[in-house]
Amino acid sequence: MAPPILVAPPILVALPKAGTVPHVAEIMTSAIPTSNGPADVVVEQPEAGEPRLLVVLTHGAGGSPDTPDILAVRDVARHRGAVTALVMQPYRVKGARAPGSAAKQDGAWTEIVTVLRAATPGVPLVQGGRSNGARVVCRTAREVSAAGVIALAFPLHPPGNPEKSRDAELRAAGTSVLVINGDRDPFGVPEPDDATRVIVLPGETHALAKNPGAIGAAVAEWLDALLA
């Protein structure tokens, strides 16, 4: 099994209709209804040209989808022709900090992705999230037929409890997975395998907030390989 790769820091409008490409500068927001309540979604078109893929990104427990790591992924994806969607999950829209039932969370996520895919047909789906959101996108990847998964700060186990591993959730994705974790993450760092590339950023904690440029560079390389 290959070791993880250690990377040093570098010196409420409507969703678009199927088959239409709004102006590239247009930002669309929508409340998507789900069985667990509405989700708030911000959709942006590619920087240029027609969409080549759909990248759907979400937050960690108690967070929002505007953290430095998620925004770094969004930016490199749009540069490579992606329609991007930043999703505030229903439990956060309601004001809760904990996601509650995993089954309900995953069910709502699948409904959200189904709506977004219908609005951006004919392109591959990549879904990504940080921390708890990384668990969601891994657990649901097979059901939504994701071409790839980006797992930011995947929480391998609760801090101080390595015996409570969530590794099975990561391996359940059944597709190409990019994991980016910090070497100071108390939640641990997963091991790579044939389908899972693991990037470990020196000096980063679970927040992954110090070096978004390194995150963007890793995601850009991985997306280029996926699109090729």
C-alpha atoms as a PDB file:
ATOM      1  CA  MET A   1       0.000   0.000   0.000  1.00  0.00           C
ATOM      2  CA  ALA A   2       1.449   3.342  -1.030  1.00  0.00           C
ATOM      3  CA  PRO A   3       2.050   5.872   1.750  1.00  0.00           C
ATOM      4  CA  PRO A   4       0.105   9.141   1.864  1.00  0.00           C
ATOM      5  CA  ILE A   5       1.606  11.930  -0.216  1.00  0.00           C
ATOM      6  CA  LEU A   6       3.141  14.651   1.923  1.00  0.00           C
ATOM      7  CA  VAL A   7       2.862  17.985   0.156  1.00  0.00           C
ATOM      8  CA  ALA A   8       4.935  20.950   1.234  1.00  0.00           C
ATOM      9  CA  PRO A   9       3.260  24.379   1.090  1.00  0.00           C
ATOM     10  CA  PRO A  10       3.913  26.053  -2.284  1.00  0.00           C
ATOM     11  CA  ILE A  11       6.868  29.344  -2.327  1.00  0.00           C
ATOM     12  CA  LEU A  12     -33.563  32.863  -4.251  1.00  0.00           C
ATOM     13  CA  VAL A  13     -33.421  32.861  -8.182  1.00  0.00           C
ATOM     14  CA  ALA A  14     -34.069  29.598 -10.058  1.00  0.00           C
ATOM     15  CA  LEU A  15     -31.627  26.928 -11.105  1.00  0.00           C
ATOM     16  CA  PRO A  16     -30.752  26.943 -14.827  1.00  0.00           C
ATOM     17  CA  LYS A  17     -33.034  25.022 -17.137  1.00  0.00           C
ATOM     18  CA  ALA A  18     -31.619  21.900 -18.724  1.00  0.00           C
ATOM     19  CA  GLY A  19     -29.683  22.666 -21.894  1.00  0.00           C
ATOM     20  CA  THR A  20     -29.208  26.354 -21.159  1.00  0.00           C
ATOM     21  CA  VAL A  21     -25.946  28.070 -20.247  1.00  0.00           C
ATOM     22  CA  PRO A  22     -26.422  31.392 -18.420  1.00  0.00           C
ATOM     23  CA  HIS A  23     -23.803  34.120 -18.568  1.00  0.00           C
ATOM     24  CA  VAL A  24     -20.633  32.837 -16.923  1.00  0.00           C
ATOM     25  CA  ALA A  25     -20.699  35.605 -14.319  1.00  0.00           C
ATOM     26  CA  GLU A  26     -24.225  34.732 -13.216  1.00  0.00           C
ATOM     27  CA  ILE A  27     -24.700  33.338  -9.717  1.00  0.00           C
ATOM     28  CA  MET A  28     -27.950  31.534  -9.004  1.00  0.00           C
ATOM     29  CA  THR A  29     -29.348  30.701  -5.598  1.00  0.00           C
ATOM     30  CA  SER A  30     -32.142  28.285  -4.867  1.00  0.00           C
ATOM     31  CA  ALA A  31     -33.945  26.604  -1.991  1.00  0.00           C
ATOM     32  CA  ILE A  32     -34.201  22.951  -2.998  1.00  0.00           C
ATOM     33  CA  PRO A  33     -36.949  21.074  -1.146  1.00  0.00           C
ATOM     34  CA  THR A  34     -36.058  17.690   0.362  1.00  0.00           C
ATOM     35  CA  SER A  35     -37.734  15.163   2.652  1.00  0.00           C
ATOM     36  CA  ASN A  36     -35.702  16.705   5.506  1.00  0.00           C
ATOM     37  CA  GLY A  37     -36.527  20.339   4.710  1.00  0.00           C
ATOM     38  CA  PRO A  38     -35.116  22.830   2.203  1.00  0.00           C
ATOM     39  CA  ALA A  39     -31.445  23.119   1.316  1.00  0.00           C
ATOM     40  CA  ASP A  40     -29.892  26.426   0.308  1.00  0.00           C
ATOM     41  CA  VAL A  41     -27.771  26.139  -2.843  1.00  0.00           C
ATOM     42  CA  VAL A  42     -25.552  28.596  -4.692  1.00  0.00           C
ATOM     43  CA  VAL A  43     -24.832  27.596  -8.290  1.00  0.00           C
ATOM     44  CA  GLU A  44     -22.122  29.166 -10.452  1.00  0.00           C
ATOM     45  CA  GLN A  45     -21.378  28.481 -14.093  1.00  0.00           C
ATOM     46  CA  PRO A  46     -17.892  27.721 -15.484  1.00  0.00           C
ATOM     47  CA  GLU A  47     -15.449  30.554 -15.973  1.00  0.00           C
ATOM     48  CA  ALA A  48     -15.670  29.983 -19.717  1.00  0.00           C
ATOM     49  CA  GLY A  49     -17.287  27.659 -22.213  1.00  0.00           C
ATOM     50  CA  GLU A  50     -19.883  24.957 -21.825  1.00  0.00           C
ATOM     51  CA  PRO A  51     -20.005  22.800 -18.703  1.00  0.00           C
ATOM     52  CA  ARG A  52     -17.647  19.830 -18.591  1.00  0.00           C
ATOM     53  CA  LEU A  53     -18.729  18.524 -15.186  1.00  0.00           C
ATOM     54  CA  LEU A  54     -20.879  19.259 -12.149  1.00  0.00           C
ATOM     55  CA  VAL A  55     -19.122  19.727  -8.784  1.00  0.00           C
ATOM     56  CA  VAL A  56     -21.380  19.747  -5.704  1.00  0.00           C
ATOM     57  CA  LEU A  57     -19.749  20.785  -2.419  1.00  0.00           C
ATOM     58  CA  THR A  58     -20.910  20.902   1.190  1.00  0.00           C
ATOM     59  CA  HIS A  59     -19.826  21.799   4.705  1.00  0.00           C
ATOM     60  CA  GLY A  60     -18.942  20.059   7.946  1.00  0.00           C
ATOM     61  CA  ALA A  61     -21.203  19.687  10.973  1.00  0.00           C
ATOM     62  CA  GLY A  62     -22.104  23.110  12.335  1.00  0.00           C
ATOM     63  CA  GLY A  63     -20.396  24.845   9.423  1.00  0.00           C
ATOM     64  CA  SER A  64     -21.200  26.501   6.117  1.00  0.00           C
ATOM     65  CA  PRO A  65     -19.928  25.960   2.562  1.00  0.00           C
ATOM     66  CA  ASP A  66     -17.792  29.110   2.473  1.00  0.00           C
ATOM     67  CA  THR A  67     -14.655  27.816   4.218  1.00  0.00           C
ATOM     68  CA  PRO A  68     -11.249  28.369   2.569  1.00  0.00           C
ATOM     69  CA  ASP A  69     -10.832  24.730   1.562  1.00  0.00           C
ATOM     70  CA  ILE A  70     -14.258  24.434  -0.073  1.00  0.00           C
ATOM     71  CA  LEU A  71     -13.861  27.746  -1.896  1.00  0.00           C
ATOM     72  CA  ALA A  72     -10.445  26.647  -3.179  1.00  0.00           C
ATOM     73  CA  VAL A  73     -12.068  23.546  -4.673  1.00  0.00           C
ATOM     74  CA  ARG A  74     -14.861  25.622  -6.199  1.00  0.00           C
ATOM     75  CA  ASP A  75     -12.450  28.018  -7.850  1.00  0.00           C
ATOM     76  CA  VAL A  76     -10.226  25.408  -9.513  1.00  0.00           C
ATOM     77  CA  ALA A  77     -13.306  23.438 -10.606  1.00  0.00           C
ATOM     78  CA  ARG A  78     -14.898  26.457 -12.293  1.00  0.00           C
ATOM     79  CA  HIS A  79     -11.583  27.171 -14.026  1.00  0.00           C
ATOM     80  CA  ARG A  80     -11.750  23.653 -15.474  1.00  0.00           C
ATOM     81  CA  GLY A  81     -15.250  23.990 -16.835  1.00  0.00           C
ATOM     82  CA  ALA A  82     -17.363  22.923 -13.891  1.00  0.00           C
ATOM     83  CA  VAL A  83     -20.776  24.084 -12.864  1.00  0.00           C
ATOM     84  CA  THR A  84     -20.362  24.329  -9.093  1.00  0.00           C
ATOM     85  CA  ALA A  85     -22.984  24.128  -6.367  1.00  0.00           C
ATOM     86  CA  LEU A  86     -22.325  25.082  -2.750  1.00  0.00           C
ATOM     87  CA  VAL A  87     -24.912  23.352  -0.582  1.00  0.00           C
ATOM     88  CA  MET A  88     -26.128  24.348   2.878  1.00  0.00           C
ATOM     89  CA  GLN A  89     -27.780  21.145   4.050  1.00  0.00           C
ATOM     90  CA  PRO A  90     -31.326  21.168   5.463  1.00  0.00           C
ATOM     91  CA  TYR A  91     -30.343  20.670   9.099  1.00  0.00           C
ATOM     92  CA  ARG A  92     -28.146  23.780   8.950  1.00  0.00           C
ATOM     93  CA  VAL A  93     -30.887  25.781   7.218  1.00  0.00           C
ATOM     94  CA  LYS A  94     -33.057  24.876  10.216  1.00  0.00           C
ATOM     95  CA  GLY A  95     -30.357  26.204  12.554  1.00  0.00           C
ATOM     96  CA  ALA A  96     -29.168  22.864  13.950  1.00  0.00           C
ATOM     97  CA  ARG A  97     -25.462  22.245  14.389  1.00  0.00           C
ATOM     98  CA  ALA A  98     -25.571  18.443  14.423  1.00  0.00           C
ATOM     99  CA  PRO A  99     -26.775  16.546  11.335  1.00  0.00           C
ATOM    100  CA  GLY A 100     -28.813  13.967  13.230  1.00  0.00           C
ATOM    101  CA  SER A 101     -29.770  10.741  11.475  1.00  0.00           C
ATOM    102  CA  ALA A 102     -27.262   9.694   8.836  1.00  0.00           C
ATOM    103  CA  ALA A 103     -30.023   8.011   6.837  1.00  0.00           C
ATOM    104  CA  LYS A 104     -32.078  11.225   6.691  1.00  0.00           C
ATOM    105  CA  GLN A 105     -29.004  13.297   5.893  1.00  0.00           C
ATOM    106  CA  ASP A 106     -27.969  10.981   3.075  1.00  0.00           C
ATOM    107  CA  GLY A 107     -31.513  10.810   1.731  1.00  0.00           C
ATOM    108  CA  ALA A 108     -31.790  14.586   1.574  1.00  0.00           C
ATOM    109  CA  TRP A 109     -28.361  14.829  -0.053  1.00  0.00           C
ATOM    110  CA  THR A 110     -29.380  12.382  -2.766  1.00  0.00           C
ATOM    111  CA  GLU A 111     -32.498  14.436  -3.478  1.00  0.00           C
ATOM    112  CA  ILE A 112     -30.437  17.632  -3.754  1.00  0.00           C
ATOM    113  CA  VAL A 113     -27.954  16.065  -6.149  1.00  0.00           C
ATOM    114  CA  THR A 114     -30.768  14.639  -8.281  1.00  0.00           C
ATOM    115  CA  VAL A 115     -32.202  18.135  -8.790  1.00  0.00           C
ATOM    116  CA  LEU A 116     -28.790  19.592  -9.622  1.00  0.00           C
ATOM    117  CA  ARG A 117     -27.996  16.828 -12.092  1.00  0.00           C
ATOM    118  CA  ALA A 118     -31.303  17.397 -13.875  1.00  0.00           C
ATOM    119  CA  ALA A 119     -30.351  21.065 -14.249  1.00  0.00           C
ATOM    120  CA  THR A 120     -26.888  20.173 -15.607  1.00  0.00           C
ATOM    121  CA  PRO A 121     -27.433  17.074 -17.743  1.00  0.00           C
ATOM    122  CA  GLY A 122     -24.883  15.077 -19.676  1.00  0.00           C
ATOM    123  CA  VAL A 123     -21.775  15.846 -17.614  1.00  0.00           C
ATOM    124  CA  PRO A 124     -19.952  13.804 -14.945  1.00  0.00           C
ATOM    125  CA  LEU A 125     -20.691  14.456 -11.282  1.00  0.00           C
ATOM    126  CA  VAL A 126     -18.017  15.090  -8.672  1.00  0.00           C
ATOM    127  CA  GLN A 127     -19.218  15.606  -5.120  1.00  0.00           C
ATOM    128  CA  GLY A 128     -17.136  16.907  -2.256  1.00  0.00           C
ATOM    129  CA  GLY A 129     -17.384  17.936   1.343  1.00  0.00           C
ATOM    130  CA  ARG A 130     -15.371  18.673   4.431  1.00  0.00           C
ATOM    131  CA  SER A 131     -15.435  16.641   7.663  1.00  0.00           C
ATOM    132  CA  ASN A 132     -19.009  15.416   8.210  1.00  0.00           C
ATOM    133  CA  GLY A 133     -19.786  16.497   4.661  1.00  0.00           C
ATOM    134  CA  ALA A 134     -16.929  14.295   3.438  1.00  0.00           C
ATOM    135  CA  ARG A 135     -18.611  11.343   5.118  1.00  0.00           C
ATOM    136  CA  VAL A 136     -21.904  12.157   3.372  1.00  0.00           C
ATOM    137  CA  VAL A 137     -20.398  12.376  -0.109  1.00  0.00           C
ATOM    138  CA  CYS A 138     -18.535   9.097   0.388  1.00  0.00           C
ATOM    139  CA  ARG A 139     -21.602   7.280   1.703  1.00  0.00           C
ATOM    140  CA  THR A 140     -23.820   8.449  -1.172  1.00  0.00           C
ATOM    141  CA  ALA A 141     -21.347   8.293  -4.070  1.00  0.00           C
ATOM    142  CA  ARG A 142     -22.547   4.942  -5.398  1.00  0.00           C
ATOM    143  CA  GLU A 143     -26.226   5.866  -5.221  1.00  0.00           C
ATOM    144  CA  VAL A 144     -25.773   9.071  -7.220  1.00  0.00           C
ATOM    145  CA  SER A 145     -23.220   7.511  -9.614  1.00  0.00           C
ATOM    146  CA  ALA A 146     -20.524  10.055  -8.818  1.00  0.00           C
ATOM    147  CA  ALA A 147     -17.499   9.957 -11.103  1.00  0.00           C
ATOM    148  CA  GLY A 148     -15.324  11.149  -8.230  1.00  0.00           C
ATOM    149  CA  VAL A 149     -15.332  12.298  -4.624  1.00  0.00           C
ATOM    150  CA  ILE A 150     -13.306  15.016  -2.880  1.00  0.00           C
ATOM    151  CA  ALA A 151     -13.044  14.384   0.859  1.00  0.00           C
ATOM    152  CA  LEU A 152     -11.615  17.353   2.763  1.00  0.00           C
ATOM    153  CA  ALA A 153     -10.529  16.702   6.365  1.00  0.00           C
ATOM    154  CA  PHE A 154     -12.123  13.265   6.336  1.00  0.00           C
ATOM    155  CA  PRO A 155     -12.723  12.496  10.047  1.00  0.00           C
ATOM    156  CA  LEU A 156     -11.288   8.994  10.244  1.00  0.00           C
ATOM    157  CA  HIS A 157     -12.220   8.630  13.908  1.00  0.00           C
ATOM    158  CA  PRO A 158     -13.333  10.807  16.831  1.00  0.00           C
ATOM    159  CA  PRO A 159     -10.359  12.530  18.495  1.00  0.00           C
ATOM    160  CA  GLY A 160      -8.674  10.138  20.900  1.00  0.00           C
ATOM    161  CA  ASN A 161     -10.799   7.171  19.767  1.00  0.00           C
ATOM    162  CA  PRO A 162      -9.001   5.474  16.854  1.00  0.00           C
ATOM    163  CA  GLU A 163     -10.921   2.252  17.548  1.00  0.00           C
ATOM    164  CA  LYS A 164     -14.097   3.983  16.289  1.00  0.00           C
ATOM    165  CA  SER A 165     -12.918   4.072  12.707  1.00  0.00           C
ATOM    166  CA  ARG A 166     -15.051   5.452   9.862  1.00  0.00           C
ATOM    167  CA  ASP A 167     -12.772   3.945   7.249  1.00  0.00           C
ATOM    168  CA  ALA A 168     -15.582   1.787   5.866  1.00  0.00           C
ATOM    169  CA  GLU A 169     -17.511   4.922   4.865  1.00  0.00           C
ATOM    170  CA  LEU A 170     -14.541   6.161   2.858  1.00  0.00           C
ATOM    171  CA  ARG A 171     -14.053   2.827   1.068  1.00  0.00           C
ATOM    172  CA  ALA A 172     -17.782   2.591   0.317  1.00  0.00           C
ATOM    173  CA  ALA A 173     -17.538   5.428  -2.224  1.00  0.00           C
ATOM    174  CA  GLY A 174     -16.797   2.933  -4.990  1.00  0.00           C
ATOM    175  CA  THR A 175     -15.146   5.516  -7.208  1.00  0.00           C
ATOM    176  CA  SER A 176     -12.038   7.680  -7.429  1.00  0.00           C
ATOM    177  CA  VAL A 177     -11.544   9.585  -4.158  1.00  0.00           C
ATOM    178  CA  LEU A 178      -9.201  12.451  -3.329  1.00  0.00           C
ATOM    179  CA  VAL A 179      -8.602  12.879   0.401  1.00  0.00           C
ATOM    180  CA  ILE A 180      -6.902  16.027   1.703  1.00  0.00           C
ATOM    181  CA  ASN A 181      -6.086  16.105   5.414  1.00  0.00           C
ATOM    182  CA  GLY A 182      -3.692  18.003   7.652  1.00  0.00           C
ATOM    183  CA  ASP A 183      -0.884  16.245   9.476  1.00  0.00           C
ATOM    184  CA  ARG A 184      -2.107  17.818  12.739  1.00  0.00           C
ATOM    185  CA  ASP A 185      -5.690  16.645  12.394  1.00  0.00           C
ATOM    186  CA  PRO A 186      -6.842  15.037  15.685  1.00  0.00           C
ATOM    187  CA  PHE A 187      -9.456  13.086  13.703  1.00  0.00           C
ATOM    188  CA  GLY A 188      -6.687  11.096  12.010  1.00  0.00           C
ATOM    189  CA  VAL A 189      -5.592  10.571   8.413  1.00  0.00           C
ATOM    190  CA  PRO A 190      -6.885   7.745   6.191  1.00  0.00           C
ATOM    191  CA  GLU A 191      -4.578   5.394   4.306  1.00  0.00           C
ATOM    192  CA  PRO A 192      -4.542   5.427   0.504  1.00  0.00           C
ATOM    193  CA  ASP A 193      -5.562   2.508  -1.676  1.00  0.00           C
ATOM    194  CA  ASP A 194      -5.949   1.861  -5.391  1.00  0.00           C
ATOM    195  CA  ALA A 195      -9.002   4.155  -5.625  1.00  0.00           C
ATOM    196  CA  THR A 196      -8.053   6.640  -2.899  1.00  0.00           C
ATOM    197  CA  ARG A 197      -5.369   9.284  -3.241  1.00  0.00           C
ATOM    198  CA  VAL A 198      -4.402  10.841   0.103  1.00  0.00           C
ATOM    199  CA  ILE A 199      -2.693  14.225   0.336  1.00  0.00           C
ATOM    200  CA  VAL A 200      -1.337  15.263   3.743  1.00  0.00           C
ATOM    201  CA  LEU A 201      -0.634  18.964   4.203  1.00  0.00           C
ATOM    202  CA  PRO A 202       2.078  19.845   6.763  1.00  0.00           C
ATOM    203  CA  GLY A 203       1.044  22.191   9.543  1.00  0.00           C
ATOM    204  CA  GLU A 204      -2.669  21.935   8.776  1.00  0.00           C
ATOM    205  CA  THR A 205      -5.268  21.046  11.399  1.00  0.00           C
ATOM    206  CA  HIS A 206      -8.799  19.765  10.832  1.00  0.00           C
ATOM    207  CA  ALA A 207      -9.772  23.266   9.665  1.00  0.00           C
ATOM    208  CA  LEU A 208      -7.567  23.134   6.546  1.00  0.00           C
ATOM    209  CA  ALA A 209      -7.531  26.932   6.615  1.00  0.00           C
ATOM    210  CA  LYS A 210      -3.839  27.857   6.375  1.00  0.00           C
ATOM    211  CA  ASN A 211      -2.966  26.985   2.802  1.00  0.00           C
ATOM    212  CA  PRO A 212      -5.920  26.929   0.395  1.00  0.00           C
ATOM    213  CA  GLY A 213      -3.464  27.287  -2.488  1.00  0.00           C
ATOM    214  CA  ALA A 214      -2.051  23.821  -1.771  1.00  0.00           C
ATOM    215  CA  ILE A 215      -5.581  22.411  -1.645  1.00  0.00           C
ATOM    216  CA  GLY A 216      -6.422  24.024  -4.960  1.00  0.00           C
ATOM    217  CA  ALA A 217      -3.249  22.669  -6.572  1.00  0.00           C
ATOM    218  CA  ALA A 218      -3.969  19.111  -5.406  1.00  0.00           C
ATOM    219  CA  VAL A 219      -7.577  19.260  -6.582  1.00  0.00           C
ATOM    220  CA  ALA A 220      -6.564  20.763  -9.927  1.00  0.00           C
ATOM    221  CA  GLU A 221      -4.149  17.895 -10.624  1.00  0.00           C
ATOM    222  CA  TRP A 222      -6.732  15.300  -9.615  1.00  0.00           C
ATOM    223  CA  LEU A 223      -9.515  16.890 -11.692  1.00  0.00           C
ATOM    224  CA  ASP A 224      -7.257  17.128 -14.738  1.00  0.00           C
ATOM    225  CA  ALA A 225      -6.575  13.391 -14.484  1.00  0.00           C
ATOM    226  CA  LEU A 226     -10.278  12.653 -14.009  1.00  0.00           C
ATOM    227  CA  LEU A 227     -11.289  14.746 -17.020  1.00  0.00           C
ATOM    228  CA  ALA A 228      -8.568  13.192 -19.158  1.00  0.00           C
END
